[in-house]
Amino acid sequence: MVGTLIKKIRELKGYSQEFLADQINISQSAYSDLENNKTKIDLVRLQKIANILDTNILELIANNSPLDSRRIKSISIYTLNLDLFDQLKDQYEKRLKEKDILIEQLKSQLRNL
């Protein structure tokens, strides 16, 4: 099961349940339920956990159940879309910072006129 594998990797990394729960914004008891396979893990949360554990979402899923090629392809596309979204978000935030710096520079130049 996915939760069991997550638990093994978490323990190997030396992370506590509290740490991972905090990272994905859930309570420690809710996180424990994920690891003990009492609740299902949605793909967004699974991607966050995989990132924290420095592993791949496909490895977490593939090690636990047989996957047909359509399912692997859809998960791969989903993961790719998450990565693309993160890259676009990072670029957007960088450009916003650059804009703020430019505005401050222009204000400073206007004050010096």
Protein backbone atom coordinates (compact mmCIF):
# COMPACT_ATOMS: atom_id res chain seq x y z
CA MET A 1 0.00 0.00 0.00
CA VAL A 2 1.12 3.56 -0.68
CA GLY A 3 0.95 4.62 2.96
CA THR A 4 3.23 1.81 4.07
CA LEU A 5 5.86 2.74 1.51
CA ILE A 6 5.62 6.42 2.46
CA LYS A 7 6.16 5.46 6.09
CA LYS A 8 9.28 3.42 5.23
CA ILE A 9 10.77 6.23 3.18
CA ARG A 10 9.90 8.83 5.84
CA GLU A 11 11.60 6.76 8.52
CA LEU A 12 14.69 6.24 6.32
CA LYS A 13 14.91 10.01 5.84
CA GLY A 14 14.59 10.53 9.60
CA TYR A 15 11.44 12.66 9.35
CA SER A 16 8.72 12.56 11.95
CA GLN A 17 5.03 12.25 11.18
CA GLU A 18 4.59 15.69 12.72
CA PHE A 19 7.08 17.18 10.27
CA LEU A 20 5.40 15.73 7.19
CA ALA A 21 1.92 16.55 8.51
CA ASP A 22 3.01 20.15 9.00
CA GLN A 23 4.54 20.29 5.51
CA ILE A 24 1.29 19.18 3.86
CA ASN A 25 -0.95 21.17 6.21
CA ILE A 26 -2.81 18.36 7.97
CA SER A 27 -2.88 17.13 11.55
CA GLN A 28 -0.48 14.44 12.72
CA SER A 29 -3.39 12.05 13.31
CA ALA A 30 -4.70 12.61 9.76
CA TYR A 31 -1.19 11.98 8.45
CA SER A 32 -0.96 8.81 10.51
CA ASP A 33 -4.19 7.62 8.91
CA LEU A 34 -2.58 8.13 5.48
CA GLU A 35 0.47 6.07 6.42
CA ASN A 36 -1.69 3.35 7.93
CA ASN A 37 -3.82 3.23 4.78
CA LYS A 38 -6.96 4.22 6.68
CA THR A 39 -7.62 7.11 4.29
CA LYS A 40 -6.86 7.53 0.62
CA ILE A 41 -4.25 9.99 -0.59
CA ASP A 42 -5.24 12.33 -3.39
CA LEU A 43 -2.72 13.01 -6.14
CA VAL A 44 -1.99 16.60 -5.08
CA ARG A 45 -1.12 15.52 -1.54
CA LEU A 46 0.79 12.50 -2.83
CA GLN A 47 2.86 14.79 -5.08
CA LYS A 48 3.67 17.04 -2.09
CA ILE A 49 4.73 14.03 -0.02
CA ALA A 50 6.85 12.69 -2.88
CA ASN A 51 8.59 16.07 -3.21
CA ILE A 52 9.32 16.25 0.53
CA LEU A 53 10.65 12.69 0.53
CA ASP A 54 12.68 13.45 -2.59
CA THR A 55 11.07 10.66 -4.56
CA ASN A 56 8.80 10.32 -7.56
CA ILE A 57 5.04 9.93 -7.36
CA LEU A 58 5.23 7.11 -9.91
CA GLU A 59 7.64 5.18 -7.71
CA LEU A 60 5.25 5.45 -4.79
CA ILE A 61 2.33 4.21 -6.82
CA ALA A 62 4.10 1.66 -9.02
CA ASN A 63 5.61 -0.14 -6.04
CA ASN A 64 2.16 -0.78 -4.65
CA SER A 65 -0.13 -1.83 -7.44
CA PRO A 66 -0.02 -2.95 -11.02
CA LEU A 67 -0.55 -0.05 -13.38
CA ASP A 68 -1.71 -0.17 -16.92
CA SER A 69 -0.04 2.11 -19.45
CA ARG A 70 -3.01 4.51 -19.61
CA ARG A 71 -2.88 5.12 -15.88
CA ILE A 72 0.89 5.64 -15.91
CA LYS A 73 0.54 8.08 -18.80
CA SER A 74 -2.18 10.08 -17.04
CA ILE A 75 -0.16 10.22 -13.82
CA SER A 76 2.94 11.27 -15.78
CA ILE A 77 1.01 14.04 -17.53
CA TYR A 78 -0.43 15.15 -14.20
CA THR A 79 3.05 15.24 -12.62
CA LEU A 80 4.42 17.10 -15.63
CA ASN A 81 1.60 19.63 -15.37
CA LEU A 82 2.36 20.16 -11.66
CA ASP A 83 6.04 20.70 -12.47
CA LEU A 84 5.16 23.10 -15.28
CA PHE A 85 2.79 25.00 -13.00
CA ASP A 86 5.51 25.31 -10.34
CA GLN A 87 7.98 26.61 -12.93
CA LEU A 88 5.48 29.14 -14.24
CA LYS A 89 4.65 30.25 -10.72
CA ASP A 90 8.35 30.70 -9.90
CA GLN A 91 8.87 32.74 -13.07
CA TYR A 92 5.83 34.88 -12.30
CA GLU A 93 7.03 35.57 -8.75
CA LYS A 94 10.51 36.43 -10.03
CA ARG A 95 9.07 38.88 -12.54
CA LEU A 96 6.92 40.48 -9.83
CA LYS A 97 10.03 41.04 -7.72
CA GLU A 98 11.85 42.50 -10.70
CA LYS A 99 8.90 44.82 -11.32
CA ASP A 100 8.94 46.00 -7.70
CA ILE A 101 12.67 46.72 -7.89
CA LEU A 102 12.22 48.65 -11.14
CA ILE A 103 9.38 50.69 -9.63
CA GLU A 104 11.54 51.60 -6.66
CA GLN A 105 14.40 52.60 -8.96
CA LEU A 106 12.08 54.79 -11.03
CA LYS A 107 10.64 56.41 -7.90
CA SER A 108 14.16 57.14 -6.71
CA GLN A 109 15.06 58.73 -10.04
CA LEU A 110 11.92 60.89 -9.93
CA ARG A 111 12.77 62.10 -6.43
CA ASN A 112 16.22 63.10 -7.64
CA LEU A 113 14.84 65.29 -10.44
